[in-house]
Amino acid sequence: MKKRTKAFISLLLVAIFTLINHTQARVGYLISQDNEGVLQQTFNSETDFSHNHLPANLKGLPERQAAEPWQATPDQLVLRSVGDILIHDRVSWLADIESPIYQVAIEQLTTDGILNEEGAVFGGEAIDFSLGSEAYDFLPMLAQIAPFTSYADVTIANLEVIAAYPDLPVTGYPQFNAPSSILEALKGIGVDIVTNGTNHTLDWFAEGAYASIKHIKAAGLLYSGSYESLEDFQTPRIIEANGISLGFLTYSYGTNGIPVPAGEEYLISLVDLPTMLSEVEWLKPQVDAVVVTLQLGPEYGTLPDEQQLYVFEELANAGVKLILGGHPHVLQPMAWLNDGQTFAIYSQASFLSGQRDLDNKQGGITEVTFERQADGEVIVTKPKFMPTFVLGIEGEKLYETVPLADTHLYQIPDGDYWFKTLETHMQVLTSDFEFLSHLATEWTLDSTDSHR
């Protein structure tokens, strides 16, 4: 549990006792470590809920008749994906639990019923283990979006930077290192797997990559793209749910000029098409569907370049069912490839970052359903996209990821304009997906036009 000042804890306790009878029924898991560091899971008790007391981040959305905790559906696997976790030092400074800005945000989130002192967010999981960076708490930055990220069988996020603090100091651009507590926050909002092979994987050379992997493992997260050994690299990344298995591969265009250590090439999987196609062929017989995530394309390019188009097409033709792009830090469109057998998004942009321009603050949650057909084949169906926005001003206002459609609720600059622009932009290559204002949660339904 994050440690906060005594005075502030007292304030939180008052708010918690006020809200406790209005917390919605949910199922959660408390993750802890035994004396040998082995992750343990224990069931949390359910609490009572009244529809009249939804937290502020869900009020005004189309409500279900009754809360519907996520239910496994045989022969269907729902995956939600978010873009780059790009933790600038200015983001870390505002995650400092001694920061007055952080403490004001905690007070408001607690009053709104979104966060509680037990370390859980409404719609997320309670996390009760320490990676040694308790002085930084990123959960409030992701608390508003947690109900949307957690409502799926599998959630994947791109860890753009290493999370090697406290082994190495917290740093920002150009050589990033984030507090390992960012991993606790991701776990707390329902993330199951992170892609950790990016152009920033070697920012602190091999030492940083190894330290980051150590923390990812301690957080109970699966990872793909950067590995701690040849044996780790040769171990397929597979998640199975509801009778469907997904295999994950991750590649980056480079390492920002930092040489990959000789003999430690497993530290980063680089974009090399013959190698990639060979690894796809190796993984395909072991799973029902292959998912590839890429760090590729020009930064701030709003459309895919020729290399992106070519690499995506070749992967699709090789049988990859889902391709998730990253690195440009702006949104790029969706596409169906290989005669409609492969769904792709060329860039999911950033999910949490300290970038300043409005188009760099935009991102989204992509949802697809993997569904087994009568002939046994698993196909990608029902793609959806919900745009998000990163609030925050360095030194003034906490960074928080929220639905872009809630432009008035969160006072998003030019939010209505950007939502309409993205609705058109994301459909430049295909309109065969649902562009939503809000994805479904345990308590609310999919919505195409909820603007709060």
Protein backbone atom coordinates (compact mmCIF):
# COMPACT_ATOMS: atom_id res chain seq x y z
CA MET A 1 0.00 0.00 0.00
CA LYS A 2 1.29 3.43 -0.85
CA LYS A 3 2.38 5.42 2.19
CA ARG A 4 0.93 8.91 2.47
CA THR A 5 1.07 11.61 5.06
CA LYS A 6 -0.85 11.01 8.29
CA ALA A 7 -2.99 14.09 7.90
CA PHE A 8 -3.95 13.12 4.42
CA ILE A 9 -4.74 9.54 5.46
CA SER A 10 -7.16 10.91 8.03
CA LEU A 11 -8.88 12.92 5.34
CA LEU A 12 -9.10 9.87 3.11
CA LEU A 13 -10.56 7.70 5.87
CA VAL A 14 -13.42 10.14 6.33
CA ALA A 15 -14.19 10.00 2.62
CA ILE A 16 -13.90 6.21 2.54
CA PHE A 17 -16.37 5.71 5.39
CA THR A 18 -18.75 8.04 3.58
CA LEU A 19 -18.46 6.11 0.33
CA ILE A 20 -18.14 2.54 1.54
CA ASN A 21 -21.87 1.79 1.38
CA HIS A 22 -22.08 3.06 -2.17
CA THR A 23 -19.28 1.00 -3.72
CA GLN A 24 -20.39 -1.24 -6.55
CA ALA A 25 -20.20 -5.05 -6.28
CA ARG A 26 -17.08 -6.24 -8.00
CA VAL A 27 -14.65 -9.09 -8.03
CA GLY A 28 -11.02 -8.22 -7.34
CA TYR A 29 -7.74 -9.90 -6.58
CA LEU A 30 -5.16 -8.99 -3.98
CA ILE A 31 -1.68 -9.77 -5.24
CA SER A 32 1.04 -10.24 -2.63
CA GLN A 33 4.42 -11.90 -2.26
CA ASP A 34 5.38 -14.62 0.17
CA ASN A 35 8.78 -14.76 1.86
CA GLU A 36 10.31 -16.34 -1.23
CA GLY A 37 8.95 -13.67 -3.55
CA VAL A 38 6.32 -15.96 -5.12
CA LEU A 39 3.20 -14.14 -6.25
CA GLN A 40 0.07 -15.19 -4.41
CA GLN A 41 -3.56 -14.45 -5.29
CA THR A 42 -6.37 -14.28 -2.77
CA PHE A 43 -10.00 -13.42 -3.38
CA ASN A 44 -11.36 -10.10 -2.18
CA SER A 45 -14.87 -9.94 -0.73
CA GLU A 46 -17.62 -8.21 -2.69
CA THR A 47 -19.20 -5.00 -1.55
CA ASP A 48 -22.69 -3.62 -1.96
CA PHE A 49 -23.63 -1.23 -4.75
CA SER A 50 -26.42 1.15 -5.66
CA HIS A 51 -26.82 2.45 -9.22
CA ASN A 52 -27.42 5.87 -7.69
CA HIS A 53 -23.81 6.05 -6.58
CA LEU A 54 -21.63 5.32 -9.56
CA PRO A 55 -18.26 7.05 -9.30
CA ALA A 56 -17.89 10.34 -11.12
CA ASN A 57 -15.96 8.84 -14.03
CA LEU A 58 -18.96 6.64 -15.00
CA LYS A 59 -21.92 8.87 -14.22
CA GLY A 60 -23.97 9.86 -17.23
CA LEU A 61 -23.00 6.84 -19.34
CA PRO A 62 -25.61 4.29 -20.50
CA GLU A 63 -26.03 2.00 -17.48
CA ARG A 64 -26.61 -1.72 -17.35
CA GLN A 65 -29.71 -3.01 -15.57
CA ALA A 66 -27.36 -4.65 -13.08
CA ALA A 67 -23.61 -4.83 -12.70
CA GLU A 68 -22.09 -7.52 -14.93
CA PRO A 69 -18.65 -8.65 -13.77
CA TRP A 70 -16.55 -9.89 -16.65
CA GLN A 71 -17.67 -13.36 -17.68
CA ALA A 72 -15.61 -15.82 -19.68
CA THR A 73 -17.33 -16.87 -22.93
CA PRO A 74 -16.25 -20.21 -24.39
CA ASP A 75 -14.51 -19.94 -27.76
CA GLN A 76 -14.28 -16.14 -27.52
CA LEU A 77 -11.40 -14.04 -26.22
CA VAL A 78 -11.76 -10.27 -25.89
CA LEU A 79 -8.49 -8.32 -25.97
CA ARG A 80 -8.09 -4.65 -25.17
CA SER A 81 -4.90 -2.81 -26.02
CA VAL A 82 -3.43 0.59 -25.13
CA GLY A 83 -0.50 2.49 -26.55
CA ASP A 84 2.78 3.82 -25.27
CA ILE A 85 3.60 4.25 -21.58
CA LEU A 86 6.13 7.07 -21.99
CA ILE A 87 7.08 8.27 -18.51
CA HIS A 88 8.92 11.57 -18.72
CA ASP A 89 10.65 12.76 -15.55
CA ARG A 90 8.03 15.50 -15.28
CA VAL A 91 5.39 12.75 -15.03
CA SER A 92 7.36 11.00 -12.29
CA TRP A 93 7.76 14.22 -10.32
CA LEU A 94 3.98 14.60 -10.17
CA ALA A 95 3.66 10.95 -9.07
CA ASP A 96 5.77 11.78 -6.01
CA ILE A 97 3.48 11.08 -3.05
CA GLU A 98 4.82 14.15 -1.22
CA SER A 99 3.79 16.44 -4.08
CA PRO A 100 0.92 18.80 -3.12
CA ILE A 101 -0.50 18.32 -6.62
CA TYR A 102 -0.54 14.56 -6.11
CA GLN A 103 -2.23 14.90 -2.71
CA VAL A 104 -4.95 17.20 -4.05
CA ALA A 105 -5.64 14.69 -6.83
CA ILE A 106 -5.87 11.83 -4.32
CA GLU A 107 -8.39 13.78 -2.28
CA GLN A 108 -10.58 14.44 -5.32
CA LEU A 109 -10.39 10.88 -6.65
CA THR A 110 -11.36 9.53 -3.24
CA THR A 111 -14.25 11.98 -2.88
CA ASP A 112 -15.46 10.94 -6.34
CA GLY A 113 -15.41 7.26 -5.36
CA ILE A 114 -12.77 6.39 -7.94
CA LEU A 115 -9.89 5.52 -5.60
CA ASN A 116 -9.64 4.07 -2.11
CA GLU A 117 -6.88 3.97 0.48
CA GLU A 118 -6.48 0.20 0.07
CA GLY A 119 -4.62 0.84 -3.15
CA ALA A 120 -7.43 -0.11 -5.51
CA VAL A 121 -9.30 1.81 -8.18
CA PHE A 122 -12.97 1.36 -8.97
CA GLY A 123 -13.05 -1.36 -11.61
CA GLY A 124 -9.43 -2.42 -11.06
CA GLU A 125 -7.44 -4.67 -8.77
CA ALA A 126 -5.96 -4.09 -5.32
CA ILE A 127 -2.18 -4.31 -5.43
CA ASP A 128 -0.34 -5.17 -2.24
CA PHE A 129 3.29 -5.66 -3.09
CA SER A 130 6.25 -3.33 -3.30
CA LEU A 131 8.82 -3.01 -6.05
CA GLY A 132 10.89 -0.60 -3.96
CA SER A 133 9.60 2.66 -5.37
CA GLU A 134 6.83 3.54 -2.92
CA ALA A 135 7.75 7.22 -3.14
CA TYR A 136 6.05 7.31 -6.56
CA ASP A 137 2.43 6.37 -7.17
CA PHE A 138 1.07 6.36 -10.73
CA LEU A 139 -2.26 4.74 -9.95
CA PRO A 140 -4.10 8.10 -9.62
CA MET A 141 -2.98 8.93 -13.16
CA LEU A 142 -4.75 5.84 -14.52
CA ALA A 143 -7.64 5.58 -12.05
CA GLN A 144 -10.17 7.36 -14.29
CA ILE A 145 -9.61 4.94 -17.17
CA ALA A 146 -9.39 1.70 -15.16
CA PRO A 147 -13.00 0.51 -15.68
CA PHE A 148 -12.40 0.60 -19.45
CA THR A 149 -9.02 -1.13 -19.54
CA SER A 150 -9.90 -3.92 -17.12
CA TYR A 151 -13.13 -5.14 -18.76
CA ALA A 152 -11.67 -7.82 -21.05
CA ASP A 153 -10.13 -11.27 -21.00
CA VAL A 154 -6.67 -9.89 -21.80
CA THR A 155 -5.27 -6.34 -21.69
CA ILE A 156 -1.94 -5.39 -23.26
CA ALA A 157 0.08 -2.16 -22.95
CA ASN A 158 3.28 -0.94 -24.56
CA LEU A 159 5.92 -0.15 -21.93
CA GLU A 160 7.85 2.36 -24.01
CA VAL A 161 10.49 2.96 -21.32
CA ILE A 162 12.35 0.81 -18.85
CA ALA A 163 11.11 0.70 -15.25
CA ALA A 164 14.42 0.22 -13.48
CA TYR A 165 14.17 2.58 -10.48
CA PRO A 166 15.28 2.12 -7.67
CA ASP A 167 18.15 0.18 -9.26
CA LEU A 168 18.90 3.21 -11.45
CA PRO A 169 17.89 6.87 -11.07
CA VAL A 170 14.65 8.32 -12.43
CA THR A 171 15.33 10.09 -15.72
CA GLY A 172 13.45 11.49 -18.71
CA TYR A 173 14.22 12.38 -22.31
CA PRO A 174 16.40 11.32 -24.06
CA GLN A 175 17.37 8.32 -21.88
CA PHE A 176 14.30 7.33 -19.92
CA ASN A 177 13.97 5.38 -16.68
CA ALA A 178 10.68 5.23 -14.78
CA PRO A 179 9.94 4.20 -11.20
CA SER A 180 9.01 0.53 -11.08
CA SER A 181 5.73 1.49 -9.40
CA ILE A 182 4.36 2.27 -12.87
CA LEU A 183 4.12 -1.52 -13.20
CA GLU A 184 1.98 -1.72 -10.06
CA ALA A 185 -0.34 0.87 -11.56
CA LEU A 186 -0.63 -1.04 -14.84
CA LYS A 187 -1.38 -4.24 -12.97
CA GLY A 188 -3.94 -2.34 -10.92
CA ILE A 189 -5.92 -1.28 -14.01
CA GLY A 190 -6.07 -4.80 -15.40
CA VAL A 191 -3.02 -5.01 -17.68
CA ASP A 192 -1.83 -8.60 -18.17
CA ILE A 193 1.10 -8.25 -20.57
CA VAL A 194 3.46 -5.41 -21.50
CA THR A 195 5.55 -5.09 -24.63
CA ASN A 196 8.99 -4.02 -23.47
CA GLY A 197 11.01 -4.13 -26.69
CA THR A 198 11.21 -0.50 -27.84
CA ASN A 199 13.72 2.09 -29.01
CA HIS A 200 14.20 3.01 -25.32
CA THR A 201 14.89 -0.51 -24.03
CA LEU A 202 18.66 0.10 -23.93
CA ASP A 203 18.52 3.70 -22.68
CA TRP A 204 20.44 2.54 -19.60
CA PHE A 205 22.22 -0.13 -21.56
CA ALA A 206 22.02 -3.80 -20.59
CA GLU A 207 21.90 -2.99 -16.88
CA GLY A 208 18.69 -1.04 -17.28
CA ALA A 209 17.02 -3.67 -19.42
CA TYR A 210 17.80 -6.44 -16.94
CA ALA A 211 16.59 -4.36 -13.98
CA SER A 212 13.36 -3.49 -15.77
CA ILE A 213 12.64 -7.15 -16.59
CA LYS A 214 13.27 -8.05 -12.96
CA HIS A 215 10.60 -5.58 -11.87
CA ILE A 216 8.14 -6.64 -14.59
CA LYS A 217 8.40 -10.23 -13.39
CA ALA A 218 7.98 -9.18 -9.75
CA ALA A 219 4.80 -7.30 -10.74
CA GLY A 220 3.34 -10.52 -12.14
CA LEU A 221 3.19 -9.18 -15.71
CA LEU A 222 4.01 -11.14 -18.84
CA TYR A 223 6.35 -9.35 -21.27
CA SER A 224 7.38 -9.53 -24.91
CA GLY A 225 10.19 -7.95 -26.90
CA SER A 226 13.10 -7.76 -24.43
CA TYR A 227 14.31 -10.86 -22.61
CA GLU A 228 16.72 -11.67 -19.81
CA SER A 229 18.43 -14.68 -21.45
CA LEU A 230 18.50 -16.81 -24.57
CA GLU A 231 16.27 -19.33 -22.80
CA ASP A 232 13.80 -16.55 -21.95
CA PHE A 233 13.84 -15.39 -25.59
CA GLN A 234 13.14 -18.93 -26.79
CA THR A 235 10.14 -19.29 -24.45
CA PRO A 236 6.95 -18.47 -26.37
CA ARG A 237 4.73 -15.77 -24.93
CA ILE A 238 1.30 -17.40 -24.84
CA ILE A 239 -1.90 -16.41 -23.05
CA GLU A 240 -4.86 -18.78 -23.08
CA ALA A 241 -8.43 -17.91 -22.12
CA ASN A 242 -11.79 -19.49 -22.89
CA GLY A 243 -10.23 -22.21 -25.01
CA ILE A 244 -8.33 -19.76 -27.26
CA SER A 245 -4.57 -19.23 -27.15
CA LEU A 246 -2.76 -16.09 -28.29
CA GLY A 247 0.96 -15.85 -28.98
CA PHE A 248 2.77 -12.51 -28.77
CA LEU A 249 5.81 -11.20 -30.66
CA THR A 250 7.26 -7.67 -30.35
CA TYR A 251 9.80 -5.78 -32.47
CA SER A 252 11.41 -2.33 -32.50
CA TYR A 253 12.92 -0.45 -35.43
CA GLY A 254 16.05 0.31 -33.37
CA THR A 255 17.60 1.39 -30.08
CA ASN A 256 18.28 5.11 -30.69
CA GLY A 257 21.82 4.35 -31.78
CA ILE A 258 22.83 2.45 -28.64
CA PRO A 259 24.63 -0.76 -29.68
CA VAL A 260 23.08 -4.08 -28.73
CA PRO A 261 25.69 -5.92 -26.61
CA ALA A 262 27.37 -8.77 -28.46
CA GLY A 263 26.13 -12.08 -27.17
CA GLU A 264 23.08 -10.43 -25.57
CA GLU A 265 20.97 -9.93 -28.67
CA TYR A 266 18.00 -11.34 -26.75
CA LEU A 267 17.77 -7.98 -24.94
CA ILE A 268 15.88 -6.49 -27.90
CA SER A 269 14.00 -7.96 -30.86
CA LEU A 270 14.63 -5.69 -33.84
CA VAL A 271 12.58 -5.19 -36.99
CA ASP A 272 14.15 -7.54 -39.52
CA LEU A 273 11.51 -8.98 -41.81
CA PRO A 274 13.08 -12.38 -42.59
CA THR A 275 13.65 -12.99 -38.87
CA MET A 276 10.17 -11.80 -38.00
CA LEU A 277 8.52 -14.04 -40.56
CA SER A 278 10.57 -16.99 -39.35
CA GLU A 279 9.46 -16.38 -35.76
CA VAL A 280 5.84 -16.04 -36.84
CA GLU A 281 6.09 -19.45 -38.53
CA TRP A 282 7.66 -20.87 -35.35
CA LEU A 283 4.88 -19.52 -33.13
CA LYS A 284 1.83 -20.21 -35.34
CA PRO A 285 1.58 -23.99 -34.72
CA GLN A 286 1.65 -23.39 -30.96
CA VAL A 287 -1.33 -21.03 -30.75
CA ASP A 288 -4.71 -20.19 -32.27
CA ALA A 289 -3.68 -16.67 -33.26
CA VAL A 290 -0.47 -14.63 -33.41
CA VAL A 291 -0.41 -11.01 -32.22
CA VAL A 292 2.51 -8.79 -33.27
CA THR A 293 3.29 -5.41 -31.74
CA LEU A 294 5.66 -3.01 -33.48
CA GLN A 295 7.65 0.11 -32.71
CA LEU A 296 7.82 1.47 -36.23
CA GLY A 297 7.17 4.59 -38.30
CA PRO A 298 8.18 8.26 -38.22
CA GLU A 299 7.51 10.14 -35.01
CA TYR A 300 4.46 12.42 -35.29
CA GLY A 301 3.52 11.03 -38.70
CA THR A 302 -0.28 10.83 -38.84
CA LEU A 303 -0.29 8.24 -41.64
CA PRO A 304 1.82 5.09 -42.02
CA ASP A 305 4.89 5.41 -44.21
CA GLU A 306 5.99 2.95 -46.90
CA GLN A 307 7.99 0.81 -44.48
CA GLN A 308 5.06 0.46 -42.11
CA LEU A 309 2.70 -0.44 -44.94
CA TYR A 310 5.12 -3.05 -46.29
CA VAL A 311 5.99 -4.68 -42.95
CA PHE A 312 2.37 -4.79 -41.80
CA GLU A 313 1.27 -6.31 -45.10
CA GLU A 314 3.98 -8.99 -45.02
CA LEU A 315 3.13 -9.95 -41.46
CA ALA A 316 -0.55 -10.14 -42.35
CA ASN A 317 0.15 -12.31 -45.37
CA ALA A 318 2.19 -14.60 -43.09
CA GLY A 319 -0.91 -15.24 -40.99
CA VAL A 320 -0.62 -12.76 -38.12
CA LYS A 321 -4.20 -12.04 -36.96
CA LEU A 322 -3.65 -8.76 -35.07
CA ILE A 323 -0.95 -6.08 -35.49
CA LEU A 324 -0.65 -3.26 -32.96
CA GLY A 325 1.60 -0.37 -33.92
CA GLY A 326 3.36 2.18 -31.77
CA HIS A 327 6.17 4.78 -31.66
CA PRO A 328 4.79 7.73 -33.74
CA HIS A 329 3.10 9.15 -30.56
CA VAL A 330 0.14 10.27 -32.63
CA LEU A 331 -2.81 8.16 -33.75
CA GLN A 332 -2.68 6.45 -37.13
CA PRO A 333 -5.65 4.70 -38.77
CA MET A 334 -7.06 1.19 -38.54
CA ALA A 335 -6.93 -1.28 -41.45
CA TRP A 336 -8.04 -4.73 -42.51
CA LEU A 337 -5.28 -6.65 -44.31
CA ASN A 338 -4.87 -10.03 -46.03
CA ASP A 339 -8.41 -10.07 -47.43
CA GLY A 340 -9.94 -9.19 -44.08
CA GLN A 341 -8.15 -11.85 -42.06
CA THR A 342 -5.86 -9.43 -40.18
CA PHE A 343 -6.84 -6.35 -38.21
CA ALA A 344 -4.27 -3.62 -37.64
CA ILE A 345 -3.83 -0.21 -36.10
CA TYR A 346 -0.72 1.52 -37.39
CA SER A 347 -0.21 3.61 -34.25
CA GLN A 348 -2.08 3.56 -30.96
CA ALA A 349 -0.16 6.69 -29.87
CA SER A 350 0.48 7.31 -26.18
CA PHE A 351 -1.56 6.05 -23.24
CA LEU A 352 0.33 7.98 -20.53
CA SER A 353 3.07 10.49 -21.25
CA GLY A 354 4.30 13.97 -20.47
CA GLN A 355 4.27 15.22 -24.05
CA ARG A 356 2.89 18.70 -24.42
CA ASP A 357 1.21 19.06 -27.83
CA LEU A 358 -2.49 18.24 -27.95
CA ASP A 359 -2.16 15.63 -30.70
CA ASN A 360 0.55 13.87 -28.65
CA LYS A 361 -1.83 13.68 -25.70
CA GLN A 362 -4.30 11.59 -27.69
CA GLY A 363 -4.39 7.82 -27.69
CA GLY A 364 -6.97 5.11 -27.44
CA ILE A 365 -8.12 1.69 -26.34
CA THR A 366 -8.44 -0.87 -29.11
CA GLU A 367 -10.71 -3.88 -28.61
CA VAL A 368 -10.96 -7.02 -30.74
CA THR A 369 -12.66 -10.35 -30.20
CA PHE A 370 -10.96 -13.58 -31.21
CA GLU A 371 -13.71 -16.07 -32.06
CA ARG A 372 -13.51 -19.77 -32.91
CA GLN A 373 -15.53 -20.75 -35.98
CA ALA A 374 -17.39 -24.00 -36.63
CA ASP A 375 -14.40 -25.31 -38.62
CA GLY A 376 -12.09 -24.65 -35.65
CA GLU A 377 -10.36 -21.57 -37.10
CA VAL A 378 -10.00 -18.53 -34.84
CA ILE A 379 -10.73 -15.20 -36.52
CA VAL A 380 -10.64 -11.54 -35.45
CA THR A 381 -14.08 -9.97 -35.14
CA LYS A 382 -15.88 -6.93 -33.70
CA PRO A 383 -13.03 -4.38 -33.63
CA LYS A 384 -13.72 -1.24 -31.61
CA PHE A 385 -11.80 1.91 -30.77
CA MET A 386 -12.26 4.44 -27.95
CA PRO A 387 -10.07 7.58 -28.04
CA THR A 388 -8.38 8.79 -24.86
CA PHE A 389 -6.61 11.95 -23.74
CA VAL A 390 -3.82 12.65 -21.24
CA LEU A 391 -4.65 15.59 -18.99
CA GLY A 392 -1.88 17.32 -17.10
CA ILE A 393 0.44 20.28 -17.00
CA GLU A 394 3.93 19.89 -15.60
CA GLY A 395 4.20 21.36 -12.15
CA GLU A 396 0.53 22.42 -12.14
CA LYS A 397 -1.92 19.56 -12.74
CA LEU A 398 -1.67 15.78 -12.38
CA TYR A 399 -1.32 13.76 -15.57
CA GLU A 400 -4.47 11.63 -15.94
CA THR A 401 -5.71 9.44 -18.79
CA VAL A 402 -9.42 9.95 -19.52
CA PRO A 403 -11.92 9.34 -22.36
CA LEU A 404 -11.49 12.03 -25.02
CA ALA A 405 -15.27 12.21 -25.47
CA ASP A 406 -15.60 13.67 -21.96
CA THR A 407 -14.25 16.97 -23.15
CA HIS A 408 -16.47 19.17 -20.95
CA LEU A 409 -16.23 16.98 -17.86
CA TYR A 410 -12.43 17.19 -17.91
CA GLN A 411 -12.09 20.56 -19.69
CA ILE A 412 -10.07 19.07 -22.56
CA PRO A 413 -8.81 21.86 -24.83
CA ASP A 414 -10.62 21.72 -28.20
CA GLY A 415 -11.88 18.28 -27.21
CA ASP A 416 -15.00 18.32 -29.41
CA TYR A 417 -12.91 19.28 -32.43
CA TRP A 418 -10.34 16.58 -31.79
CA PHE A 419 -12.97 13.88 -31.24
CA LYS A 420 -14.66 14.65 -34.57
CA THR A 421 -11.30 14.89 -36.32
CA LEU A 422 -10.19 11.51 -34.99
CA GLU A 423 -13.50 9.89 -35.91
CA THR A 424 -12.73 10.75 -39.53
CA HIS A 425 -8.99 10.18 -39.32
CA MET A 426 -9.13 6.68 -37.83
CA GLN A 427 -11.41 5.56 -40.70
CA VAL A 428 -9.20 6.76 -43.55
CA LEU A 429 -8.25 3.17 -44.49
CA THR A 430 -11.36 1.33 -43.27
CA SER A 431 -14.65 2.14 -41.60
CA ASP A 432 -15.26 -1.51 -40.73
CA PHE A 433 -14.94 -1.09 -36.97
CA GLU A 434 -16.86 0.71 -34.24
CA PHE A 435 -15.62 4.15 -33.25
CA LEU A 436 -16.94 4.59 -29.71
CA SER A 437 -17.06 7.41 -27.22
CA HIS A 438 -16.89 4.81 -24.41
CA LEU A 439 -16.23 1.09 -24.30
CA ALA A 440 -18.38 -1.06 -22.03
CA THR A 441 -17.49 -1.54 -18.39
CA GLU A 442 -18.91 -3.76 -15.67
CA TRP A 443 -21.53 -1.08 -14.98
CA THR A 444 -21.99 0.72 -18.32
CA LEU A 445 -22.62 -0.18 -21.95
CA ASP A 446 -20.80 0.61 -25.19
CA SER A 447 -21.66 4.12 -26.33
CA THR A 448 -21.08 5.87 -29.64
CA ASP A 449 -22.14 9.36 -28.64
CA SER A 450 -21.86 10.01 -24.91
CA HIS A 451 -20.21 13.39 -24.55
CA ARG A 452 -20.08 14.54 -20.95
